[in-house]
Amino acid sequence: MRKFIEILFYTFPISFILGNLAVTLYTLIFIIASLFFIRKERLVSRFRNSYWILIIFFLYISLLTIIHYQDIEILRTLLYQDPGLLNTKTPARSLEDNSIFKSLLLLRYVVLIFVIDTLFFNKILNLKKFFLFSLLCTSFVSLDIIVQYIFGFDLFGFKGGSVRNSGPFGDEMIAGGYLQRFFFFSLFSIFVIFEKKNFKNPLLIFFITIHSAAIFLAGNKMPLLLFIFGCFLIIMFFKNLRIIMSLGMIGFLAVFIILYKSNTEIHGTYKNFLGNILPIFGGNIERQVTDTSKQEQITDSNKVEKKETKPFFLRGSGHPYIYYNAILVWQKQPLFGFGLKSFRIKCWENLTNNTMMLYTKNTNKLYLACANHAHNYYLEFLSETGIIGFILMITFFIILWKDFFHYFIKYKHKINSETILLVPIVITLFLEIWPLKSTGSFFTNWTATFFWLTTALLFANKTKRSI
């Protein structure tokens, strides 16, 4: 049983490549097997006070979801109004049942943290092997993406493109996110595996260059920015790693410039992208989001009038328009929110005639967009769990942030075999909860499992302080 649990845990990075179903099965089997093993072997366990925050939060969101999704008639009315991107017109989708069931399943992450902490505390698991499997997985994904870009298809026959390449993920364009999340685990495993080898530094520089190039070729811009941000944190806080990381980033910059100059599609895409964040590049991106010829105008007397309009354009990714809509959804139920996965339904109530444009009373245009989630963890907490859920998660995040700063201040000039394996965990979690970024949904299985798995690693390997 012990070997089985070890294999499941160390190969967790592989499950994220295989897809959501594999992640779900891995998590459930690992939890069940671990609980059975802990009970059978009577392992010593510890229950941290911060677990109560998570238990209260998950129970709260489950209760909230059950309450709001009981009003089936209102939901059916909303779902039958041609909700555009959702395209949910058939009762077979049973959105309310799915959301209630999924909200209850969120409690499994508390159990996941508990069993990982217990297994590490009893020296059943260790970080070195987990990081080694991360290294193998990210190296494989990186090489597969590079092959896909060069030859037009990867090792599995999936076709690629000039700008976006998904590698082994097929139709799911999440390769950049996968590499960014597991990169720092892989990077620091090299320090452990080749600690006393003369070729360690050149290998690290090559590793950084290859992985950063793969994230770039994957075409996921936010993971690329977070990757660069994480590398900057290492350069800034860890003196002993500055030269290696800086040389690796110079290698990536060389690759970026070569591809930027030689590939017209990459040039056009990243000129627009860089132009939005760095005006010196002069980018200008516009995206047409509707060609509706009629919109509704809200007047001071609250009377609805038809107004002829022309097609209009949104700048950039459209995330700011989703963010504003998330704030409007939150304002309707500021204290409690509407429950798990409610934003995808409630956001359409703020749109006029199912378009992405409204007219305010002072005739200034107000652009709104709707999506399956708010594209930012914090706005998702506000719109779906209200101020109460937001405060609970912020409290938990503050605990993590407190540990981040404690660790950086204490160990930034002292990197050794005892402390170095905590560095990638701290950096990865810091990037994961960084508020100034666009994100997927915090409650999706892929994202949530990675976050709570990484949180469990931090909890389990903090030996001198307890959270």
Protein backbone atom coordinates (compact mmCIF):
# COMPACT_ATOMS: atom_id res chain seq x y z
CA MET A 1 0.00 0.00 0.00
CA ARG A 2 2.83 2.38 0.84
CA LYS A 3 4.47 1.94 -2.58
CA PHE A 4 1.12 2.46 -4.29
CA ILE A 5 0.56 5.75 -2.43
CA GLU A 6 4.08 6.92 -3.24
CA ILE A 7 3.62 6.17 -6.95
CA LEU A 8 0.30 8.01 -7.03
CA PHE A 9 1.72 11.09 -5.34
CA TYR A 10 4.98 11.34 -7.27
CA THR A 11 3.20 10.93 -10.62
CA PHE A 12 0.63 13.63 -9.91
CA PRO A 13 2.26 15.92 -12.55
CA ILE A 14 1.48 13.28 -15.19
CA SER A 15 -2.24 13.35 -14.34
CA PHE A 16 -2.44 17.05 -15.22
CA ILE A 17 -1.24 16.21 -18.73
CA LEU A 18 -3.77 13.40 -19.10
CA GLY A 19 -6.72 15.71 -18.41
CA ASN A 20 -9.41 16.60 -15.89
CA LEU A 21 -10.73 13.06 -15.55
CA ALA A 22 -7.26 11.73 -14.71
CA VAL A 23 -6.75 14.52 -12.15
CA THR A 24 -10.08 13.65 -10.51
CA LEU A 25 -9.33 9.94 -10.38
CA TYR A 26 -5.78 10.49 -9.11
CA THR A 27 -7.03 12.77 -6.35
CA LEU A 28 -9.86 10.53 -5.18
CA ILE A 29 -7.83 7.30 -5.31
CA PHE A 30 -4.90 8.97 -3.56
CA ILE A 31 -7.14 10.33 -0.77
CA ILE A 32 -8.96 7.04 -0.20
CA ALA A 33 -5.77 4.95 -0.25
CA SER A 34 -3.98 7.43 2.04
CA LEU A 35 -6.79 7.51 4.60
CA PHE A 36 -6.86 3.71 4.68
CA PHE A 37 -3.07 3.57 5.08
CA ILE A 38 -3.01 6.24 7.81
CA ARG A 39 -5.68 4.39 9.77
CA LYS A 40 -4.08 0.98 9.27
CA GLU A 41 -0.59 2.11 10.26
CA ARG A 42 -1.89 4.48 12.95
CA LEU A 43 0.27 7.31 11.70
CA VAL A 44 0.73 10.44 13.77
CA SER A 45 -1.25 13.34 12.34
CA ARG A 46 -1.65 17.02 13.15
CA PHE A 47 -4.62 19.27 12.61
CA ARG A 48 -3.72 22.90 11.91
CA ASN A 49 -5.90 25.81 12.96
CA SER A 50 -5.96 27.14 9.39
CA TYR A 51 -7.88 24.02 8.32
CA TRP A 52 -10.93 25.46 10.06
CA ILE A 53 -10.90 28.43 7.68
CA LEU A 54 -11.07 26.07 4.72
CA ILE A 55 -13.73 23.86 6.27
CA ILE A 56 -15.92 26.88 7.06
CA PHE A 57 -15.39 28.31 3.56
CA PHE A 58 -16.26 25.09 1.73
CA LEU A 59 -19.30 24.41 3.92
CA TYR A 60 -20.40 28.01 3.45
CA ILE A 61 -20.16 27.89 -0.33
CA SER A 62 -21.98 24.53 -0.40
CA LEU A 63 -24.86 25.90 1.69
CA LEU A 64 -24.96 29.07 -0.38
CA THR A 65 -25.07 27.10 -3.64
CA ILE A 66 -27.81 24.80 -2.38
CA ILE A 67 -29.97 27.79 -1.35
CA HIS A 68 -29.60 29.75 -4.58
CA TYR A 69 -29.88 26.83 -6.98
CA GLN A 70 -33.14 25.64 -5.47
CA ASP A 71 -35.02 28.31 -7.39
CA ILE A 72 -35.22 26.13 -10.48
CA GLU A 73 -37.87 28.19 -12.25
CA ILE A 74 -35.72 31.32 -12.21
CA LEU A 75 -32.76 29.34 -13.44
CA ARG A 76 -34.73 27.81 -16.29
CA THR A 77 -35.98 31.24 -17.29
CA LEU A 78 -32.41 32.50 -17.40
CA LEU A 79 -31.09 29.48 -19.25
CA TYR A 80 -33.81 29.62 -21.91
CA GLN A 81 -33.03 33.23 -22.83
CA ASP A 82 -30.44 32.25 -25.42
CA PRO A 83 -27.45 32.88 -23.16
CA GLY A 84 -24.97 33.11 -26.00
CA LEU A 85 -21.68 31.53 -25.00
CA LEU A 86 -23.35 29.12 -22.59
CA ASN A 87 -25.77 27.92 -25.28
CA THR A 88 -27.67 26.00 -22.61
CA LYS A 89 -31.23 25.41 -23.74
CA THR A 90 -31.83 21.81 -22.80
CA PRO A 91 -32.90 20.60 -19.35
CA ALA A 92 -30.41 17.75 -19.68
CA ARG A 93 -27.57 20.05 -18.57
CA SER A 94 -29.04 20.23 -15.01
CA LEU A 95 -26.75 23.08 -14.04
CA GLU A 96 -28.18 23.44 -10.56
CA ASP A 97 -27.56 19.78 -9.65
CA ASN A 98 -24.00 19.86 -10.99
CA SER A 99 -23.10 22.98 -9.06
CA ILE A 100 -24.52 21.69 -5.77
CA PHE A 101 -22.72 18.37 -6.15
CA LYS A 102 -19.45 20.06 -7.09
CA SER A 103 -19.69 22.49 -4.17
CA LEU A 104 -19.96 19.56 -1.76
CA LEU A 105 -16.96 17.87 -3.39
CA LEU A 106 -14.79 20.91 -2.61
CA LEU A 107 -14.34 19.50 0.90
CA ARG A 108 -12.04 16.86 -0.57
CA TYR A 109 -9.29 19.46 -0.77
CA VAL A 110 -9.19 19.81 3.02
CA VAL A 111 -8.77 16.04 3.22
CA LEU A 112 -6.07 16.19 0.52
CA ILE A 113 -4.08 18.73 2.55
CA PHE A 114 -4.52 16.65 5.71
CA VAL A 115 -3.33 13.35 4.21
CA ILE A 116 -0.33 14.91 2.44
CA ASP A 117 0.71 16.69 5.64
CA THR A 118 0.37 13.43 7.61
CA LEU A 119 2.35 11.40 5.06
CA PHE A 120 5.18 13.93 4.99
CA PHE A 121 5.17 14.25 8.77
CA ASN A 122 5.66 10.48 9.03
CA LYS A 123 8.37 10.54 6.32
CA ILE A 124 6.35 8.45 3.88
CA LEU A 125 6.75 11.02 1.10
CA ASN A 126 9.51 13.45 0.14
CA LEU A 127 9.80 16.42 -2.18
CA LYS A 128 12.83 15.26 -4.17
CA LYS A 129 10.97 12.50 -6.03
CA PHE A 130 7.95 14.70 -6.65
CA PHE A 131 10.18 17.41 -8.14
CA LEU A 132 12.00 14.79 -10.22
CA PHE A 133 8.74 13.68 -11.85
CA SER A 134 7.89 17.35 -12.41
CA LEU A 135 11.22 17.74 -14.20
CA LEU A 136 10.55 14.75 -16.44
CA CYS A 137 7.03 15.98 -17.28
CA THR A 138 7.88 19.61 -18.01
CA SER A 139 10.92 18.60 -20.06
CA PHE A 140 8.77 16.25 -22.14
CA VAL A 141 6.03 18.88 -22.65
CA SER A 142 8.61 21.53 -23.57
CA LEU A 143 10.31 19.35 -26.16
CA ASP A 144 6.96 18.25 -27.56
CA ILE A 145 5.88 21.88 -28.02
CA ILE A 146 9.16 22.78 -29.73
CA VAL A 147 8.81 19.76 -32.05
CA GLN A 148 5.23 20.79 -32.77
CA TYR A 149 6.33 24.31 -33.71
CA ILE A 150 9.20 23.17 -35.93
CA PHE A 151 7.49 20.30 -37.77
CA GLY A 152 3.85 21.38 -37.56
CA PHE A 153 2.76 18.43 -35.43
CA ASP A 154 3.92 16.92 -32.14
CA LEU A 155 4.91 13.39 -31.11
CA PHE A 156 1.23 12.41 -30.81
CA GLY A 157 0.26 13.83 -34.18
CA PHE A 158 -1.46 16.95 -32.81
CA LYS A 159 -1.16 19.86 -35.22
CA GLY A 160 0.43 23.10 -34.08
CA GLY A 161 0.60 26.66 -35.30
CA SER A 162 2.92 29.60 -35.60
CA VAL A 163 1.65 31.31 -32.44
CA ARG A 164 -0.17 28.69 -30.34
CA ASN A 165 1.05 25.16 -29.73
CA SER A 166 -0.58 22.89 -27.17
CA GLY A 167 1.80 19.92 -27.34
CA PRO A 168 0.36 16.80 -25.66
CA PHE A 169 -2.71 18.72 -24.46
CA GLY A 170 -4.30 18.53 -27.92
CA ASP A 171 -7.21 20.93 -28.33
CA GLU A 172 -6.79 22.40 -24.84
CA MET A 173 -4.55 25.46 -25.02
CA ILE A 174 -3.18 25.13 -21.50
CA ALA A 175 0.38 23.98 -22.11
CA GLY A 176 1.81 27.36 -21.10
CA GLY A 177 -0.11 27.30 -17.83
CA TYR A 178 1.09 23.78 -17.08
CA LEU A 179 4.74 24.66 -17.71
CA GLN A 180 4.56 27.88 -15.71
CA ARG A 181 3.04 26.11 -12.71
CA PHE A 182 5.45 23.15 -12.62
CA PHE A 183 8.55 24.94 -13.94
CA PHE A 184 9.96 26.02 -10.60
CA PHE A 185 9.54 22.54 -9.14
CA SER A 186 11.51 21.18 -12.08
CA LEU A 187 14.15 23.89 -11.91
CA PHE A 188 15.05 23.26 -8.29
CA SER A 189 15.10 19.50 -8.72
CA ILE A 190 18.23 20.00 -10.84
CA PHE A 191 19.94 21.64 -7.86
CA VAL A 192 19.29 18.49 -5.83
CA ILE A 193 20.01 15.88 -8.50
CA PHE A 194 23.17 17.50 -9.91
CA GLU A 195 24.22 19.44 -6.82
CA LYS A 196 27.90 18.45 -6.99
CA LYS A 197 28.25 18.11 -10.77
CA ASN A 198 30.42 20.52 -12.72
CA PHE A 199 27.89 20.77 -15.54
CA LYS A 200 25.04 21.81 -13.20
CA ASN A 201 25.13 25.51 -14.08
CA PRO A 202 25.24 25.08 -17.88
CA LEU A 203 22.44 22.52 -17.58
CA LEU A 204 20.33 24.97 -15.58
CA ILE A 205 20.85 27.75 -18.13
CA PHE A 206 19.89 25.39 -20.96
CA PHE A 207 16.88 24.17 -18.98
CA ILE A 208 15.62 27.72 -18.34
CA THR A 209 16.05 28.69 -21.98
CA ILE A 210 14.24 25.62 -23.35
CA HIS A 211 11.33 25.85 -20.91
CA SER A 212 10.86 29.59 -21.37
CA ALA A 213 10.92 29.14 -25.16
CA ALA A 214 8.26 26.41 -24.86
CA ILE A 215 6.02 28.64 -22.72
CA PHE A 216 6.43 31.35 -25.35
CA LEU A 217 5.59 28.97 -28.22
CA ALA A 218 2.56 27.67 -26.31
CA GLY A 219 1.03 31.09 -26.92
CA ASN A 220 -0.43 31.58 -23.41
CA LYS A 221 0.53 35.16 -22.62
CA MET A 222 -0.42 35.37 -18.95
CA PRO A 223 1.62 32.25 -18.00
CA LEU A 224 4.54 33.78 -19.88
CA LEU A 225 4.28 36.99 -17.87
CA LEU A 226 3.96 35.05 -14.61
CA PHE A 227 6.97 32.93 -15.55
CA ILE A 228 9.06 36.06 -16.14
CA PHE A 229 7.76 37.55 -12.89
CA GLY A 230 8.76 34.40 -11.00
CA CYS A 231 12.25 34.46 -12.51
CA PHE A 232 12.52 38.12 -11.50
CA LEU A 233 11.62 37.17 -7.91
CA ILE A 234 14.46 34.64 -7.85
CA ILE A 235 16.91 37.20 -9.25
CA MET A 236 15.77 39.81 -6.74
CA PHE A 237 15.60 37.72 -3.57
CA PHE A 238 18.16 34.94 -4.00
CA LYS A 239 21.69 36.17 -4.48
CA ASN A 240 23.20 32.75 -5.17
CA LEU A 241 20.85 32.16 -8.11
CA ARG A 242 21.02 35.53 -9.82
CA ILE A 243 23.70 34.81 -12.40
CA ILE A 244 22.23 31.48 -13.52
CA MET A 245 18.69 32.82 -13.79
CA SER A 246 19.85 35.99 -15.55
CA LEU A 247 21.81 34.01 -18.15
CA GLY A 248 18.83 31.73 -18.70
CA MET A 249 16.58 34.73 -19.28
CA ILE A 250 19.12 36.20 -21.70
CA GLY A 251 18.93 32.92 -23.62
CA PHE A 252 15.15 33.21 -23.71
CA LEU A 253 15.39 36.83 -24.86
CA ALA A 254 17.61 35.74 -27.75
CA VAL A 255 15.05 33.10 -28.78
CA PHE A 256 12.23 35.62 -28.47
CA ILE A 257 13.99 38.21 -30.65
CA ILE A 258 14.86 35.66 -33.34
CA LEU A 259 11.29 34.37 -33.58
CA TYR A 260 9.83 37.87 -33.26
CA LYS A 261 11.90 39.05 -36.22
CA SER A 262 11.55 35.95 -38.41
CA ASN A 263 7.91 34.89 -37.87
CA THR A 264 5.35 37.39 -39.14
CA GLU A 265 2.45 35.89 -37.15
CA ILE A 266 4.41 35.95 -33.89
CA HIS A 267 5.56 39.46 -34.72
CA GLY A 268 2.01 40.69 -35.25
CA THR A 269 0.58 38.94 -32.20
CA TYR A 270 3.24 40.02 -29.75
CA LYS A 271 3.55 43.51 -31.16
CA ASN A 272 -0.11 44.02 -30.28
CA PHE A 273 0.34 42.33 -26.91
CA LEU A 274 3.46 44.27 -25.98
CA GLY A 275 1.88 47.46 -27.27
CA ASN A 276 -0.86 47.12 -24.68
CA ILE A 277 1.60 46.79 -21.79
CA LEU A 278 4.62 48.63 -23.20
CA PRO A 279 3.66 51.67 -25.34
CA ILE A 280 7.16 51.75 -26.86
CA PHE A 281 6.18 48.78 -29.05
CA GLY A 282 3.26 50.72 -30.49
CA GLY A 283 0.84 47.82 -30.60
CA ASN A 284 -2.84 48.36 -31.33
CA ILE A 285 -5.22 45.45 -31.02
CA GLU A 286 -8.93 45.61 -31.59
CA ARG A 287 -11.44 42.81 -31.41
CA GLN A 288 -14.91 42.90 -32.87
CA VAL A 289 -17.39 41.47 -30.38
CA THR A 290 -20.76 42.12 -31.98
CA ASP A 291 -22.38 43.24 -35.17
CA THR A 292 -25.81 43.84 -33.69
CA SER A 293 -27.54 46.76 -35.38
CA LYS A 294 -29.93 47.49 -32.55
CA GLN A 295 -29.14 48.14 -28.90
CA GLU A 296 -31.19 49.30 -25.98
CA GLN A 297 -30.70 52.70 -24.42
CA ILE A 298 -31.55 53.28 -20.76
CA THR A 299 -32.88 56.79 -20.23
CA ASP A 300 -33.33 58.85 -17.07
CA SER A 301 -36.99 57.91 -16.97
CA ASN A 302 -36.05 54.19 -17.07
CA LYS A 303 -37.83 53.82 -20.39
CA VAL A 304 -36.25 51.49 -22.90
CA GLU A 305 -35.77 52.86 -26.40
CA LYS A 306 -34.29 51.24 -29.49
CA LYS A 307 -31.15 52.86 -30.83
CA GLU A 308 -29.39 52.15 -34.10
CA THR A 309 -25.69 51.47 -33.65
CA LYS A 310 -22.79 50.27 -35.72
CA PRO A 311 -20.53 47.34 -34.94
CA PHE A 312 -18.08 48.22 -32.21
CA PHE A 313 -14.75 46.95 -31.03
CA LEU A 314 -13.14 46.10 -27.70
CA ARG A 315 -9.44 46.58 -27.04
CA GLY A 316 -7.25 43.73 -25.89
CA SER A 317 -8.52 40.47 -24.45
CA GLY A 318 -11.85 41.76 -23.19
CA HIS A 319 -11.04 40.79 -19.59
CA PRO A 320 -11.68 44.31 -18.20
CA TYR A 321 -15.26 44.10 -19.49
CA ILE A 322 -15.73 40.76 -17.75
CA TYR A 323 -14.23 42.21 -14.58
CA TYR A 324 -16.67 45.10 -14.57
CA ASN A 325 -19.57 42.73 -15.08
CA ALA A 326 -18.33 40.64 -12.14
CA ILE A 327 -18.44 43.75 -9.96
CA LEU A 328 -22.02 44.43 -11.08
CA VAL A 329 -22.99 40.83 -10.27
CA TRP A 330 -21.41 41.17 -6.82
CA GLN A 331 -23.28 44.41 -6.15
CA LYS A 332 -26.59 42.58 -6.54
CA GLN A 333 -25.79 40.28 -3.61
CA PRO A 334 -22.74 41.85 -1.92
CA LEU A 335 -22.79 39.99 1.39
CA PHE A 336 -23.37 36.39 0.31
CA GLY A 337 -22.98 36.15 -3.48
CA PHE A 338 -24.94 33.67 -5.60
CA GLY A 339 -23.08 30.39 -5.09
CA LEU A 340 -20.68 28.21 -7.03
CA LYS A 341 -20.63 28.72 -10.82
CA SER A 342 -23.37 31.37 -10.60
CA PHE A 343 -21.46 34.08 -12.48
CA ARG A 344 -22.00 32.31 -15.82
CA ILE A 345 -25.74 32.74 -15.29
CA LYS A 346 -26.06 36.05 -13.45
CA CYS A 347 -23.70 37.97 -15.72
CA TRP A 348 -26.22 37.82 -18.58
CA GLU A 349 -28.76 39.80 -16.56
CA ASN A 350 -26.50 42.84 -16.87
CA LEU A 351 -26.45 42.71 -20.67
CA THR A 352 -29.03 44.41 -22.84
CA ASN A 353 -30.60 42.26 -25.52
CA ASN A 354 -27.78 39.70 -25.04
CA THR A 355 -25.16 42.07 -26.40
CA MET A 356 -21.92 43.32 -24.90
CA MET A 357 -22.82 47.02 -24.82
CA LEU A 358 -25.11 49.17 -22.69
CA TYR A 359 -25.77 52.90 -22.68
CA THR A 360 -25.66 54.63 -19.31
CA LYS A 361 -27.84 57.59 -18.32
CA ASN A 362 -25.16 60.14 -19.19
CA THR A 363 -24.76 58.58 -22.67
CA ASN A 364 -21.22 57.32 -21.97
CA LYS A 365 -20.70 53.85 -23.37
CA LEU A 366 -20.30 51.06 -20.87
CA TYR A 367 -18.90 47.84 -22.27
CA LEU A 368 -19.68 44.53 -20.61
CA ALA A 369 -18.79 40.95 -21.43
CA CYS A 370 -19.98 37.62 -20.09
CA ALA A 371 -18.11 34.34 -19.62
CA ASN A 372 -18.19 31.11 -17.66
CA HIS A 373 -16.21 32.69 -14.82
CA ALA A 374 -14.88 36.09 -13.75
CA HIS A 375 -11.30 35.47 -14.99
CA ASN A 376 -9.86 36.67 -11.68
CA TYR A 377 -9.84 34.69 -8.44
CA TYR A 378 -10.73 37.64 -6.24
CA LEU A 379 -13.60 38.86 -8.40
CA GLU A 380 -14.82 35.27 -8.60
CA PHE A 381 -14.87 35.08 -4.80
CA LEU A 382 -16.81 38.35 -4.59
CA SER A 383 -19.41 37.54 -7.25
CA GLU A 384 -20.00 33.92 -6.22
CA THR A 385 -19.34 33.90 -2.45
CA GLY A 386 -19.87 37.55 -1.50
CA ILE A 387 -17.96 39.50 1.12
CA ILE A 388 -18.17 36.64 3.62
CA GLY A 389 -16.52 34.09 1.33
CA PHE A 390 -14.07 36.73 0.09
CA ILE A 391 -12.94 37.53 3.66
CA LEU A 392 -12.51 33.84 4.48
CA MET A 393 -10.26 33.22 1.48
CA ILE A 394 -8.37 36.50 1.91
CA THR A 395 -7.68 35.50 5.51
CA PHE A 396 -6.27 32.19 4.30
CA PHE A 397 -4.23 33.93 1.61
CA ILE A 398 -2.84 36.40 4.17
CA ILE A 399 -1.56 33.41 6.15
CA LEU A 400 0.24 32.22 3.01
CA TRP A 401 1.58 35.72 2.23
CA LYS A 402 2.87 36.01 5.78
CA ASP A 403 4.84 32.82 5.29
CA PHE A 404 6.12 34.03 1.91
CA PHE A 405 7.70 37.15 3.37
CA HIS A 406 8.99 35.31 6.43
CA TYR A 407 10.69 32.77 4.22
CA PHE A 408 12.20 35.28 1.78
CA ILE A 409 13.54 37.50 4.56
CA LYS A 410 15.00 34.59 6.52
CA TYR A 411 16.48 32.50 3.72
CA LYS A 412 17.19 34.79 0.78
CA HIS A 413 20.94 34.73 1.53
CA LYS A 414 21.02 31.18 2.83
CA ILE A 415 20.31 28.60 0.14
CA ASN A 416 21.22 25.06 1.15
CA SER A 417 19.92 21.53 0.75
CA GLU A 418 17.54 21.95 3.69
CA THR A 419 15.85 25.11 2.50
CA ILE A 420 16.14 25.11 -1.27
CA LEU A 421 13.19 22.78 -1.94
CA LEU A 422 10.80 25.22 -0.28
CA VAL A 423 11.77 28.03 -2.68
CA PRO A 424 9.77 26.78 -5.71
CA ILE A 425 6.72 26.05 -3.54
CA VAL A 426 6.73 29.57 -2.14
CA ILE A 427 7.24 31.20 -5.53
CA THR A 428 4.61 29.04 -7.26
CA LEU A 429 1.96 29.78 -4.64
CA PHE A 430 2.86 33.46 -4.68
CA LEU A 431 2.30 33.59 -8.45
CA GLU A 432 -0.91 31.57 -8.14
CA ILE A 433 -2.60 34.04 -5.77
CA TRP A 434 -1.07 37.19 -7.28
CA PRO A 435 -4.13 39.45 -7.65
CA LEU A 436 -3.09 41.45 -10.73
CA LYS A 437 -3.57 38.74 -13.33
CA SER A 438 -6.24 37.07 -15.41
CA THR A 439 -7.00 33.53 -14.31
CA GLY A 440 -9.14 30.51 -14.97
CA SER A 441 -11.83 29.62 -12.48
CA PHE A 442 -10.49 28.93 -8.99
CA PHE A 443 -13.03 26.13 -8.58
CA THR A 444 -12.28 24.11 -11.71
CA ASN A 445 -10.83 20.69 -10.97
CA TRP A 446 -7.51 21.25 -12.79
CA THR A 447 -6.76 24.62 -11.18
CA ALA A 448 -8.09 23.80 -7.71
CA THR A 449 -6.22 20.49 -7.47
CA PHE A 450 -2.93 22.13 -8.37
CA PHE A 451 -3.46 25.00 -5.90
CA TRP A 452 -4.40 22.79 -2.95
CA LEU A 453 -1.71 20.24 -3.81
CA THR A 454 0.91 23.01 -3.72
CA THR A 455 -0.59 24.44 -0.53
CA ALA A 456 -0.36 20.99 1.04
CA LEU A 457 3.34 20.81 0.10
CA LEU A 458 3.98 24.11 1.85
CA PHE A 459 2.09 23.07 4.98
CA ALA A 460 3.78 19.67 5.12
CA ASN A 461 7.34 20.93 4.73
CA LYS A 462 7.33 23.86 7.14
CA THR A 463 9.08 22.21 10.03
CA LYS A 464 9.96 25.12 12.29
CA ARG A 465 6.75 27.11 12.20
CA SER A 466 3.13 26.01 12.14
CA ILE A 467 0.34 27.81 10.34
